[in-house]
Amino acid sequence: MNYETRELRQQAQLEEYRALRDEITLRTNERNQTYLTAAVMTGALLGYGMGAEVPPVFLAPVIILVVLWGRHLRWLRMIFSLGAYIQVYLEEEVEGLQWETSATGPVQSRRSGLDWDALRSTFTCPYLPLVGASLVLSGYYWAITENWQRSFSTWLVVVLPVGVLVIAWLLWATYKLEANGKQHFVHHWQQQKDAGKHSPCGSTT
């Protein structure tokens, strides 16, 4: 590869790098904006439920928040995948690009045992307190509201167990993604690169 070709390829890689970094920033901003919208919506629904004393109203934000939590995980997977692609295909080839590599470290085998950083990130997920508060308040108002007290056993037998199971599953999915997601995609892209199945700028060298 001559000097001119190498310069053109590096320029194309830098443009790709900027485009992917902009995409990561966009997805991160969308994720944050969605959470803020969810927080405002949850506050409004909980306030209405307290005033109207209609316990099922508290389940509406639970359902919506669970869906948004799943969307949050999809965005996180996309961010990890883009970051891993940058690390493997661009930062390993273009001198001076080390943003993702410095954040993740070099490619390494997956760690065994409990990942405390991932555990902390999991339990500080912004959707967890919103879902938990909505579920608890639904049970509280179900128990104290006269017209709904007779069906409180339904909340205990059906609503509470289902809610706890869904939250537990989302926590587990969040932990697995936080613990292994970035490294998983780094290994994925590294395998693709080693096999020559994909390469930026139409080159496998």
N, C-alpha and C. Protein backbone atom coordinates (compact mmCIF):
# COMPACT_ATOMS: atom_id res chain seq x y z
N MET A 1 0.85 -1.19 0.00
CA MET A 1 0.00 0.00 0.00
C MET A 1 0.89 1.24 0.00
N ASN A 2 0.78 2.10 -1.04
CA ASN A 2 1.62 3.28 -1.12
C ASN A 2 1.13 4.37 -0.18
N TYR A 3 1.91 5.44 -0.10
CA TYR A 3 1.62 6.51 0.87
C TYR A 3 0.28 7.16 0.60
N GLU A 4 -0.01 7.47 -0.69
CA GLU A 4 -1.25 8.15 -1.04
C GLU A 4 -2.47 7.29 -0.69
N THR A 5 -2.37 6.00 -1.00
CA THR A 5 -3.48 5.09 -0.69
C THR A 5 -3.68 5.00 0.81
N ARG A 6 -2.59 4.93 1.56
CA ARG A 6 -2.66 4.84 3.01
C ARG A 6 -3.30 6.10 3.60
N GLU A 7 -2.95 7.27 3.05
CA GLU A 7 -3.53 8.52 3.52
C GLU A 7 -5.03 8.58 3.25
N LEU A 8 -5.43 8.14 2.07
CA LEU A 8 -6.85 8.13 1.72
C LEU A 8 -7.63 7.19 2.63
N ARG A 9 -7.05 6.03 2.91
CA ARG A 9 -7.73 5.07 3.77
C ARG A 9 -7.85 5.61 5.19
N GLN A 10 -6.79 6.25 5.69
CA GLN A 10 -6.84 6.80 7.04
C GLN A 10 -7.86 7.92 7.14
N GLN A 11 -7.96 8.74 6.08
CA GLN A 11 -8.95 9.80 6.06
C GLN A 11 -10.36 9.21 6.11
N ALA A 12 -10.58 8.14 5.34
CA ALA A 12 -11.89 7.48 5.35
C ALA A 12 -12.18 6.89 6.73
N GLN A 13 -11.17 6.32 7.37
CA GLN A 13 -11.35 5.76 8.71
C GLN A 13 -11.68 6.84 9.72
N LEU A 14 -11.04 8.01 9.61
CA LEU A 14 -11.33 9.12 10.53
C LEU A 14 -12.76 9.62 10.34
N GLU A 15 -13.21 9.67 9.10
CA GLU A 15 -14.59 10.08 8.84
C GLU A 15 -15.58 9.06 9.42
N GLU A 16 -15.25 7.79 9.26
CA GLU A 16 -16.11 6.74 9.82
C GLU A 16 -16.12 6.82 11.34
N TYR A 17 -14.96 7.08 11.91
CA TYR A 17 -14.84 7.20 13.36
C TYR A 17 -15.73 8.33 13.88
N ARG A 18 -15.67 9.49 13.24
CA ARG A 18 -16.49 10.63 13.67
C ARG A 18 -17.98 10.32 13.53
N ALA A 19 -18.34 9.65 12.43
CA ALA A 19 -19.75 9.30 12.22
C ALA A 19 -20.25 8.34 13.29
N LEU A 20 -19.43 7.36 13.65
CA LEU A 20 -19.84 6.39 14.67
C LEU A 20 -19.88 7.01 16.05
N ARG A 21 -18.94 7.90 16.35
CA ARG A 21 -18.97 8.59 17.63
C ARG A 21 -20.23 9.47 17.73
N ASP A 22 -20.59 10.12 16.62
CA ASP A 22 -21.81 10.93 16.61
C ASP A 22 -23.04 10.05 16.82
N GLU A 23 -23.02 8.85 16.25
CA GLU A 23 -24.15 7.92 16.43
C GLU A 23 -24.26 7.48 17.88
N ILE A 24 -23.13 7.21 18.52
CA ILE A 24 -23.14 6.83 19.93
C ILE A 24 -23.68 7.97 20.79
N THR A 25 -23.24 9.19 20.50
CA THR A 25 -23.73 10.36 21.24
C THR A 25 -25.24 10.53 21.06
N LEU A 26 -25.71 10.34 19.81
CA LEU A 26 -27.14 10.45 19.52
C LEU A 26 -27.94 9.42 20.31
N ARG A 27 -27.49 8.16 20.30
CA ARG A 27 -28.20 7.10 21.02
C ARG A 27 -28.18 7.36 22.52
N THR A 28 -27.07 7.86 23.04
CA THR A 28 -26.98 8.16 24.47
C THR A 28 -27.95 9.28 24.84
N ASN A 29 -28.01 10.31 24.01
CA ASN A 29 -28.94 11.42 24.28
C ASN A 29 -30.39 10.96 24.19
N GLU A 30 -30.70 10.10 23.22
CA GLU A 30 -32.06 9.58 23.10
C GLU A 30 -32.43 8.76 24.33
N ARG A 31 -31.48 7.97 24.81
CA ARG A 31 -31.72 7.15 26.00
C ARG A 31 -32.00 8.04 27.21
N ASN A 32 -31.21 9.10 27.38
CA ASN A 32 -31.40 10.00 28.52
C ASN A 32 -32.72 10.77 28.41
N GLN A 33 -33.05 11.21 27.20
CA GLN A 33 -34.30 11.95 26.99
C GLN A 33 -35.52 11.07 27.25
N THR A 34 -35.42 9.80 26.85
CA THR A 34 -36.52 8.88 27.09
C THR A 34 -36.73 8.66 28.58
N TYR A 35 -35.64 8.57 29.33
CA TYR A 35 -35.77 8.40 30.78
C TYR A 35 -36.44 9.62 31.41
N LEU A 36 -36.02 10.82 31.01
CA LEU A 36 -36.62 12.03 31.57
C LEU A 36 -38.12 12.08 31.28
N THR A 37 -38.49 11.72 30.05
CA THR A 37 -39.90 11.68 29.68
C THR A 37 -40.65 10.65 30.53
N ALA A 38 -40.02 9.49 30.73
CA ALA A 38 -40.64 8.43 31.53
C ALA A 38 -40.82 8.88 32.98
N ALA A 39 -39.84 9.60 33.52
CA ALA A 39 -39.93 10.07 34.90
C ALA A 39 -41.08 11.06 35.07
N VAL A 40 -41.23 12.00 34.13
CA VAL A 40 -42.31 12.98 34.19
C VAL A 40 -43.67 12.28 34.06
N MET A 41 -43.76 11.33 33.11
CA MET A 41 -45.00 10.60 32.89
C MET A 41 -45.37 9.79 34.12
N THR A 42 -44.38 9.15 34.74
CA THR A 42 -44.63 8.34 35.94
C THR A 42 -45.14 9.21 37.07
N GLY A 43 -44.50 10.36 37.26
CA GLY A 43 -44.94 11.28 38.31
C GLY A 43 -46.38 11.73 38.11
N ALA A 44 -46.74 12.01 36.84
CA ALA A 44 -48.10 12.46 36.55
C ALA A 44 -49.12 11.35 36.83
N LEU A 45 -48.81 10.14 36.39
CA LEU A 45 -49.74 9.02 36.60
C LEU A 45 -49.86 8.66 38.07
N LEU A 46 -48.76 8.69 38.80
CA LEU A 46 -48.82 8.39 40.23
C LEU A 46 -49.61 9.46 40.97
N GLY A 47 -49.42 10.72 40.59
CA GLY A 47 -50.17 11.80 41.21
C GLY A 47 -51.67 11.66 40.94
N TYR A 48 -52.01 11.30 39.71
CA TYR A 48 -53.43 11.10 39.39
C TYR A 48 -53.99 9.91 40.17
N GLY A 49 -53.22 8.83 40.26
CA GLY A 49 -53.69 7.65 40.98
C GLY A 49 -53.94 7.93 42.45
N MET A 50 -53.07 8.74 43.05
CA MET A 50 -53.25 9.08 44.47
C MET A 50 -54.51 9.92 44.66
N GLY A 51 -54.75 10.83 43.73
CA GLY A 51 -55.93 11.69 43.86
C GLY A 51 -57.23 10.95 43.58
N ALA A 52 -57.19 10.09 42.57
CA ALA A 52 -58.41 9.37 42.18
C ALA A 52 -58.66 8.12 43.01
N GLU A 53 -57.62 7.65 43.71
CA GLU A 53 -57.69 6.43 44.50
C GLU A 53 -58.19 5.25 43.67
N VAL A 54 -57.57 5.10 42.51
CA VAL A 54 -57.87 3.97 41.62
C VAL A 54 -56.57 3.18 41.47
N PRO A 55 -56.39 2.13 42.28
CA PRO A 55 -55.11 1.40 42.31
C PRO A 55 -54.59 0.91 40.95
N PRO A 56 -55.45 0.41 40.04
CA PRO A 56 -54.91 -0.07 38.77
C PRO A 56 -54.17 1.00 37.96
N VAL A 57 -54.46 2.29 38.25
CA VAL A 57 -53.76 3.37 37.54
C VAL A 57 -52.25 3.26 37.79
N PHE A 58 -51.86 2.78 38.97
CA PHE A 58 -50.45 2.67 39.29
C PHE A 58 -49.74 1.59 38.47
N LEU A 59 -50.53 0.68 37.90
CA LEU A 59 -49.92 -0.37 37.08
C LEU A 59 -49.59 0.12 35.67
N ALA A 60 -50.24 1.20 35.24
CA ALA A 60 -49.96 1.74 33.91
C ALA A 60 -48.50 2.14 33.75
N PRO A 61 -47.94 2.93 34.69
CA PRO A 61 -46.52 3.26 34.54
C PRO A 61 -45.60 2.04 34.65
N VAL A 62 -46.02 1.02 35.41
CA VAL A 62 -45.20 -0.19 35.51
C VAL A 62 -45.04 -0.82 34.13
N ILE A 63 -46.16 -0.97 33.43
CA ILE A 63 -46.13 -1.59 32.10
C ILE A 63 -45.30 -0.74 31.13
N ILE A 64 -45.53 0.57 31.13
CA ILE A 64 -44.80 1.45 30.23
C ILE A 64 -43.31 1.46 30.54
N LEU A 65 -42.98 1.50 31.82
CA LEU A 65 -41.58 1.54 32.23
C LEU A 65 -40.85 0.25 31.90
N VAL A 66 -41.54 -0.88 32.01
CA VAL A 66 -40.92 -2.16 31.65
C VAL A 66 -40.56 -2.17 30.16
N VAL A 67 -41.48 -1.66 29.33
CA VAL A 67 -41.20 -1.58 27.89
C VAL A 67 -40.02 -0.66 27.63
N LEU A 68 -39.99 0.49 28.29
CA LEU A 68 -38.89 1.44 28.09
C LEU A 68 -37.58 0.90 28.63
N TRP A 69 -37.63 0.12 29.69
CA TRP A 69 -36.42 -0.52 30.23
C TRP A 69 -35.83 -1.47 29.18
N GLY A 70 -36.71 -2.23 28.54
CA GLY A 70 -36.24 -3.11 27.47
C GLY A 70 -35.63 -2.32 26.32
N ARG A 71 -36.24 -1.19 25.99
CA ARG A 71 -35.69 -0.33 24.94
C ARG A 71 -34.33 0.23 25.37
N HIS A 72 -34.22 0.57 26.64
CA HIS A 72 -32.95 1.05 27.21
C HIS A 72 -31.85 0.00 27.00
N LEU A 73 -32.17 -1.26 27.19
CA LEU A 73 -31.19 -2.33 27.00
C LEU A 73 -30.81 -2.48 25.53
N ARG A 74 -31.77 -2.32 24.63
CA ARG A 74 -31.45 -2.39 23.19
C ARG A 74 -30.52 -1.26 22.78
N TRP A 75 -30.78 -0.07 23.31
CA TRP A 75 -29.88 1.05 23.01
C TRP A 75 -28.49 0.79 23.57
N LEU A 76 -28.43 0.22 24.78
CA LEU A 76 -27.13 -0.06 25.39
C LEU A 76 -26.35 -1.09 24.57
N ARG A 77 -27.04 -2.10 24.06
CA ARG A 77 -26.40 -3.08 23.18
C ARG A 77 -25.85 -2.40 21.93
N MET A 78 -26.63 -1.50 21.36
CA MET A 78 -26.18 -0.80 20.16
C MET A 78 -24.94 0.05 20.45
N ILE A 79 -24.95 0.75 21.58
CA ILE A 79 -23.81 1.58 21.96
C ILE A 79 -22.57 0.72 22.17
N PHE A 80 -22.73 -0.42 22.84
CA PHE A 80 -21.60 -1.33 23.06
C PHE A 80 -21.07 -1.87 21.73
N SER A 81 -21.99 -2.23 20.82
CA SER A 81 -21.57 -2.77 19.53
C SER A 81 -20.80 -1.74 18.72
N LEU A 82 -21.30 -0.51 18.67
CA LEU A 82 -20.61 0.55 17.94
C LEU A 82 -19.25 0.85 18.55
N GLY A 83 -19.21 0.90 19.89
CA GLY A 83 -17.95 1.16 20.56
C GLY A 83 -16.93 0.06 20.32
N ALA A 84 -17.39 -1.19 20.33
CA ALA A 84 -16.49 -2.32 20.08
C ALA A 84 -15.98 -2.30 18.65
N TYR A 85 -16.85 -1.95 17.71
CA TYR A 85 -16.42 -1.85 16.31
C TYR A 85 -15.33 -0.80 16.16
N ILE A 86 -15.54 0.35 16.79
CA ILE A 86 -14.53 1.41 16.75
C ILE A 86 -13.21 0.92 17.32
N GLN A 87 -13.29 0.21 18.45
CA GLN A 87 -12.07 -0.27 19.11
C GLN A 87 -11.31 -1.26 18.23
N VAL A 88 -12.01 -2.17 17.60
CA VAL A 88 -11.34 -3.23 16.84
C VAL A 88 -10.89 -2.76 15.47
N TYR A 89 -11.76 -2.08 14.75
CA TYR A 89 -11.47 -1.75 13.35
C TYR A 89 -10.75 -0.42 13.16
N LEU A 90 -10.97 0.52 14.07
CA LEU A 90 -10.43 1.86 13.84
C LEU A 90 -9.30 2.22 14.80
N GLU A 91 -9.52 2.02 16.09
CA GLU A 91 -8.51 2.44 17.06
C GLU A 91 -7.26 1.57 17.01
N GLU A 92 -7.39 0.34 16.56
CA GLU A 92 -6.21 -0.52 16.44
C GLU A 92 -5.37 -0.17 15.21
N GLU A 93 -5.95 0.60 14.29
CA GLU A 93 -5.25 0.90 13.04
C GLU A 93 -4.85 2.35 12.88
N VAL A 94 -5.58 3.25 13.54
CA VAL A 94 -5.30 4.68 13.39
C VAL A 94 -4.66 5.20 14.67
N GLU A 95 -3.46 5.69 14.55
CA GLU A 95 -2.73 6.18 15.72
C GLU A 95 -3.42 7.40 16.30
N GLY A 96 -3.52 7.43 17.61
CA GLY A 96 -4.12 8.57 18.31
C GLY A 96 -5.58 8.39 18.66
N LEU A 97 -6.24 7.37 18.12
CA LEU A 97 -7.64 7.09 18.46
C LEU A 97 -7.67 6.03 19.55
N GLN A 98 -8.00 6.44 20.77
CA GLN A 98 -7.95 5.50 21.89
C GLN A 98 -9.14 5.66 22.83
N TRP A 99 -10.21 6.34 22.40
CA TRP A 99 -11.33 6.60 23.30
C TRP A 99 -11.95 5.32 23.84
N GLU A 100 -12.34 4.41 22.95
CA GLU A 100 -13.00 3.17 23.36
C GLU A 100 -12.01 2.22 24.00
N THR A 101 -10.79 2.16 23.49
CA THR A 101 -9.78 1.25 24.04
C THR A 101 -9.43 1.63 25.47
N SER A 102 -9.29 2.93 25.74
CA SER A 102 -8.96 3.37 27.09
C SER A 102 -10.10 3.12 28.06
N ALA A 103 -11.35 3.15 27.54
CA ALA A 103 -12.51 2.90 28.40
C ALA A 103 -12.70 1.43 28.70
N THR A 104 -12.38 0.57 27.74
CA THR A 104 -12.63 -0.86 27.87
C THR A 104 -11.38 -1.66 28.21
N GLY A 105 -10.24 -1.22 27.68
CA GLY A 105 -9.02 -1.98 27.83
C GLY A 105 -8.84 -2.90 26.65
N PRO A 106 -7.71 -3.56 26.55
CA PRO A 106 -7.46 -4.46 25.43
C PRO A 106 -8.38 -5.65 25.44
N VAL A 107 -8.50 -6.31 24.28
CA VAL A 107 -9.33 -7.51 24.17
C VAL A 107 -8.81 -8.57 25.13
N GLN A 108 -9.70 -9.15 25.93
CA GLN A 108 -9.32 -10.16 26.91
C GLN A 108 -10.46 -11.14 27.08
N SER A 109 -10.16 -12.26 27.70
CA SER A 109 -11.19 -13.26 27.93
C SER A 109 -12.17 -12.77 28.99
N ARG A 110 -13.36 -13.32 28.95
CA ARG A 110 -14.38 -12.91 29.90
C ARG A 110 -13.99 -13.32 31.31
N ARG A 111 -14.33 -12.42 32.23
CA ARG A 111 -14.02 -12.70 33.63
C ARG A 111 -15.08 -13.60 34.25
N SER A 112 -14.65 -14.40 35.21
CA SER A 112 -15.58 -15.25 35.94
C SER A 112 -15.86 -14.61 37.28
N GLY A 113 -16.96 -15.01 37.90
CA GLY A 113 -17.31 -14.45 39.19
C GLY A 113 -18.16 -13.20 39.04
N LEU A 114 -18.45 -12.59 40.18
CA LEU A 114 -19.35 -11.44 40.22
C LEU A 114 -18.60 -10.18 39.80
N ASP A 115 -19.19 -9.44 38.89
CA ASP A 115 -18.62 -8.16 38.43
C ASP A 115 -19.28 -7.04 39.23
N TRP A 116 -18.54 -6.48 40.18
CA TRP A 116 -19.13 -5.50 41.09
C TRP A 116 -19.47 -4.19 40.39
N ASP A 117 -18.67 -3.81 39.40
CA ASP A 117 -18.98 -2.59 38.64
C ASP A 117 -20.29 -2.76 37.88
N ALA A 118 -20.45 -3.93 37.26
CA ALA A 118 -21.68 -4.21 36.52
C ALA A 118 -22.87 -4.28 37.48
N LEU A 119 -22.65 -4.85 38.67
CA LEU A 119 -23.72 -4.95 39.66
C LEU A 119 -24.16 -3.56 40.12
N ARG A 120 -23.19 -2.68 40.34
CA ARG A 120 -23.53 -1.31 40.74
C ARG A 120 -24.29 -0.60 39.63
N SER A 121 -23.85 -0.76 38.38
CA SER A 121 -24.54 -0.14 37.26
C SER A 121 -25.97 -0.68 37.12
N THR A 122 -26.13 -1.97 37.42
CA THR A 122 -27.45 -2.59 37.31
C THR A 122 -28.42 -2.00 38.31
N PHE A 123 -28.00 -1.88 39.56
CA PHE A 123 -28.92 -1.41 40.60
C PHE A 123 -29.03 0.11 40.64
N THR A 124 -28.25 0.80 39.83
CA THR A 124 -28.44 2.24 39.68
C THR A 124 -29.14 2.56 38.36
N CYS A 125 -29.67 1.53 37.70
CA CYS A 125 -30.46 1.76 36.49
C CYS A 125 -31.62 2.68 36.83
N PRO A 126 -31.80 3.79 36.13
CA PRO A 126 -32.81 4.78 36.53
C PRO A 126 -34.25 4.27 36.49
N TYR A 127 -34.51 3.19 35.76
CA TYR A 127 -35.88 2.68 35.68
C TYR A 127 -36.28 1.87 36.91
N LEU A 128 -35.30 1.34 37.62
CA LEU A 128 -35.60 0.47 38.76
C LEU A 128 -36.42 1.17 39.84
N PRO A 129 -36.02 2.35 40.34
CA PRO A 129 -36.84 2.98 41.40
C PRO A 129 -38.22 3.39 40.91
N LEU A 130 -38.34 3.76 39.65
CA LEU A 130 -39.66 4.15 39.12
C LEU A 130 -40.61 2.96 39.07
N VAL A 131 -40.11 1.83 38.57
CA VAL A 131 -40.93 0.63 38.50
C VAL A 131 -41.28 0.15 39.91
N GLY A 132 -40.29 0.13 40.78
CA GLY A 132 -40.51 -0.34 42.15
C GLY A 132 -41.52 0.51 42.89
N ALA A 133 -41.39 1.84 42.77
CA ALA A 133 -42.31 2.74 43.46
C ALA A 133 -43.74 2.57 42.94
N SER A 134 -43.88 2.43 41.63
CA SER A 134 -45.23 2.26 41.05
C SER A 134 -45.87 0.97 41.53
N LEU A 135 -45.07 -0.11 41.58
CA LEU A 135 -45.61 -1.40 42.02
C LEU A 135 -46.01 -1.37 43.49
N VAL A 136 -45.16 -0.80 44.33
CA VAL A 136 -45.45 -0.73 45.77
C VAL A 136 -46.66 0.15 46.03
N LEU A 137 -46.75 1.29 45.37
CA LEU A 137 -47.89 2.18 45.57
C LEU A 137 -49.19 1.55 45.10
N SER A 138 -49.12 0.76 44.04
CA SER A 138 -50.34 0.09 43.59
C SER A 138 -50.85 -0.85 44.68
N GLY A 139 -49.95 -1.59 45.32
CA GLY A 139 -50.36 -2.49 46.40
C GLY A 139 -50.87 -1.74 47.61
N TYR A 140 -50.21 -0.63 47.94
CA TYR A 140 -50.62 0.16 49.12
C TYR A 140 -52.04 0.70 48.94
N TYR A 141 -52.29 1.30 47.78
CA TYR A 141 -53.62 1.88 47.56
C TYR A 141 -54.67 0.80 47.32
N TRP A 142 -54.23 -0.36 46.83
CA TRP A 142 -55.17 -1.47 46.69
C TRP A 142 -55.64 -1.93 48.08
N ALA A 143 -54.73 -1.86 49.04
CA ALA A 143 -55.06 -2.34 50.39
C ALA A 143 -55.89 -1.35 51.18
N ILE A 144 -55.73 -0.04 50.93
CA ILE A 144 -56.42 0.94 51.77
C ILE A 144 -57.67 1.54 51.12
N THR A 145 -57.83 1.32 49.81
CA THR A 145 -59.00 1.88 49.13
C THR A 145 -60.20 0.96 49.33
N GLU A 146 -61.27 1.50 49.88
CA GLU A 146 -62.41 0.69 50.30
C GLU A 146 -62.98 -0.17 49.17
N ASN A 147 -63.15 0.41 48.00
CA ASN A 147 -63.78 -0.33 46.90
C ASN A 147 -62.88 -1.42 46.30
N TRP A 148 -61.60 -1.42 46.68
CA TRP A 148 -60.67 -2.37 46.10
C TRP A 148 -60.10 -3.36 47.11
N GLN A 149 -60.43 -3.19 48.40
CA GLN A 149 -59.84 -4.03 49.43
C GLN A 149 -60.18 -5.51 49.24
N ARG A 150 -61.38 -5.78 48.75
CA ARG A 150 -61.80 -7.18 48.60
C ARG A 150 -60.96 -7.92 47.57
N SER A 151 -60.43 -7.19 46.60
CA SER A 151 -59.62 -7.83 45.55
C SER A 151 -58.12 -7.70 45.82
N PHE A 152 -57.76 -7.30 47.06
CA PHE A 152 -56.34 -7.15 47.38
C PHE A 152 -55.59 -8.47 47.25
N SER A 153 -56.30 -9.58 47.50
CA SER A 153 -55.66 -10.88 47.35
C SER A 153 -55.21 -11.12 45.91
N THR A 154 -55.95 -10.55 44.97
CA THR A 154 -55.54 -10.66 43.55
C THR A 154 -54.21 -9.98 43.32
N TRP A 155 -54.03 -8.81 43.95
CA TRP A 155 -52.75 -8.10 43.83
C TRP A 155 -51.62 -8.93 44.42
N LEU A 156 -51.90 -9.54 45.59
CA LEU A 156 -50.86 -10.33 46.26
C LEU A 156 -50.50 -11.59 45.48
N VAL A 157 -51.49 -12.24 44.91
CA VAL A 157 -51.27 -13.54 44.27
C VAL A 157 -50.82 -13.39 42.82
N VAL A 158 -51.31 -12.36 42.14
CA VAL A 158 -51.04 -12.23 40.70
C VAL A 158 -50.11 -11.06 40.40
N VAL A 159 -50.53 -9.86 40.77
CA VAL A 159 -49.79 -8.66 40.35
C VAL A 159 -48.39 -8.61 40.95
N LEU A 160 -48.28 -8.82 42.27
CA LEU A 160 -46.98 -8.72 42.93
C LEU A 160 -45.99 -9.76 42.41
N PRO A 161 -46.35 -11.06 42.36
CA PRO A 161 -45.37 -12.04 41.86
C PRO A 161 -44.94 -11.77 40.42
N VAL A 162 -45.89 -11.43 39.56
CA VAL A 162 -45.54 -11.15 38.16
C VAL A 162 -44.62 -9.94 38.08
N GLY A 163 -44.95 -8.89 38.83
CA GLY A 163 -44.12 -7.69 38.84
C GLY A 163 -42.70 -7.98 39.32
N VAL A 164 -42.58 -8.74 40.40
CA VAL A 164 -41.26 -9.07 40.95
C VAL A 164 -40.46 -9.91 39.95
N LEU A 165 -41.11 -10.87 39.31
CA LEU A 165 -40.42 -11.72 38.32
C LEU A 165 -39.92 -10.90 37.13
N VAL A 166 -40.76 -9.99 36.66
CA VAL A 166 -40.36 -9.15 35.52
C VAL A 166 -39.19 -8.25 35.90
N ILE A 167 -39.26 -7.65 37.09
CA ILE A 167 -38.16 -6.79 37.54
C ILE A 167 -36.88 -7.61 37.70
N ALA A 168 -37.00 -8.82 38.27
CA ALA A 168 -35.83 -9.68 38.46
C ALA A 168 -35.20 -10.05 37.11
N TRP A 169 -36.06 -10.36 36.13
CA TRP A 169 -35.54 -10.70 34.80
C TRP A 169 -34.82 -9.53 34.16
N LEU A 170 -35.39 -8.33 34.28
CA LEU A 170 -34.77 -7.14 33.71
C LEU A 170 -33.45 -6.82 34.41
N LEU A 171 -33.41 -7.01 35.73
CA LEU A 171 -32.16 -6.80 36.46
C LEU A 171 -31.09 -7.77 35.99
N TRP A 172 -31.48 -9.03 35.80
CA TRP A 172 -30.52 -10.04 35.33
C TRP A 172 -30.02 -9.70 33.93
N ALA A 173 -30.94 -9.31 33.04
CA ALA A 173 -30.55 -8.96 31.67
C ALA A 173 -29.64 -7.73 31.67
N THR A 174 -29.94 -6.77 32.55
CA THR A 174 -29.10 -5.58 32.65
C THR A 174 -27.71 -5.93 33.16
N TYR A 175 -27.66 -6.78 34.17
CA TYR A 175 -26.36 -7.18 34.73
C TYR A 175 -25.52 -7.92 33.68
N LYS A 176 -26.13 -8.86 32.97
CA LYS A 176 -25.38 -9.63 31.96
C LYS A 176 -24.84 -8.71 30.88
N LEU A 177 -25.64 -7.72 30.49
CA LEU A 177 -25.19 -6.80 29.45
C LEU A 177 -24.08 -5.90 29.97
N GLU A 178 -24.24 -5.40 31.18
CA GLU A 178 -23.22 -4.53 31.76
C GLU A 178 -21.91 -5.29 31.99
N ALA A 179 -22.01 -6.57 32.38
CA ALA A 179 -20.81 -7.35 32.71
C ALA A 179 -20.07 -7.84 31.47
N ASN A 180 -20.81 -8.27 30.46
CA ASN A 180 -20.18 -8.94 29.30
C ASN A 180 -20.45 -8.28 27.96
N GLY A 181 -21.36 -7.29 27.93
CA GLY A 181 -21.80 -6.75 26.65
C GLY A 181 -20.68 -6.19 25.79
N LYS A 182 -19.89 -5.28 26.35
CA LYS A 182 -18.84 -4.64 25.54
C LYS A 182 -17.80 -5.66 25.10
N GLN A 183 -17.34 -6.50 26.00
CA GLN A 183 -16.34 -7.51 25.64
C GLN A 183 -16.89 -8.51 24.64
N HIS A 184 -18.18 -8.83 24.78
CA HIS A 184 -18.81 -9.75 23.82
C HIS A 184 -18.71 -9.20 22.41
N PHE A 185 -19.03 -7.92 22.26
CA PHE A 185 -18.98 -7.32 20.93
C PHE A 185 -17.55 -7.12 20.45
N VAL A 186 -16.63 -6.85 21.38
CA VAL A 186 -15.23 -6.76 20.98
C VAL A 186 -14.75 -8.08 20.40
N HIS A 187 -15.07 -9.18 21.07
CA HIS A 187 -14.70 -10.51 20.56
C HIS A 187 -15.41 -10.80 19.24
N HIS A 188 -16.67 -10.39 19.13
CA HIS A 188 -17.42 -10.62 17.90
C HIS A 188 -16.75 -9.92 16.71
N TRP A 189 -16.46 -8.64 16.88
CA TRP A 189 -15.84 -7.89 15.78
C TRP A 189 -14.42 -8.35 15.51
N GLN A 190 -13.72 -8.79 16.57
CA GLN A 190 -12.37 -9.30 16.36
C GLN A 190 -12.40 -10.58 15.53
N GLN A 191 -13.36 -11.45 15.79
CA GLN A 191 -13.50 -12.67 15.00
C GLN A 191 -13.85 -12.35 13.55
N GLN A 192 -14.74 -11.36 13.35
CA GLN A 192 -15.09 -10.95 12.00
C GLN A 192 -13.86 -10.40 11.27
N LYS A 193 -13.08 -9.62 11.98
CA LYS A 193 -11.88 -9.03 11.37
C LYS A 193 -10.86 -10.11 11.04
N ASP A 194 -10.64 -11.04 11.97
CA ASP A 194 -9.66 -12.11 11.74
C ASP A 194 -10.08 -13.01 10.57
N ALA A 195 -11.41 -13.19 10.42
CA ALA A 195 -11.90 -14.04 9.34
C ALA A 195 -11.98 -13.29 8.01
N GLY A 196 -11.75 -11.98 8.06
CA GLY A 196 -11.81 -11.19 6.84
C GLY A 196 -13.20 -11.02 6.30
N LYS A 197 -14.23 -11.19 7.18
CA LYS A 197 -15.62 -11.11 6.72
C LYS A 197 -16.12 -9.68 6.60
N HIS A 198 -15.46 -8.78 7.31
CA HIS A 198 -15.90 -7.39 7.25
C HIS A 198 -14.71 -6.52 7.56
N SER A 199 -14.59 -5.46 6.82
CA SER A 199 -13.51 -4.53 7.08
C SER A 199 -13.89 -3.16 6.55
N PRO A 200 -13.55 -2.10 7.26
CA PRO A 200 -13.86 -0.76 6.78
C PRO A 200 -13.07 -0.43 5.53
N CYS A 201 -13.62 0.45 4.72
CA CYS A 201 -12.95 0.97 3.53
C CYS A 201 -12.74 -0.11 2.47
N GLY A 202 -13.48 -1.24 2.60
CA GLY A 202 -13.40 -2.28 1.58
C GLY A 202 -12.09 -3.03 1.52
N SER A 203 -11.36 -3.06 2.64
CA SER A 203 -10.06 -3.75 2.64
C SER A 203 -10.00 -4.71 3.79
N THR A 204 -9.29 -5.81 3.64
CA THR A 204 -9.14 -6.79 4.71
C THR A 204 -7.71 -6.82 5.21
N THR A 205 -6.91 -5.88 4.81
CA THR A 205 -5.51 -5.85 5.25
C THR A 205 -5.26 -4.73 6.21
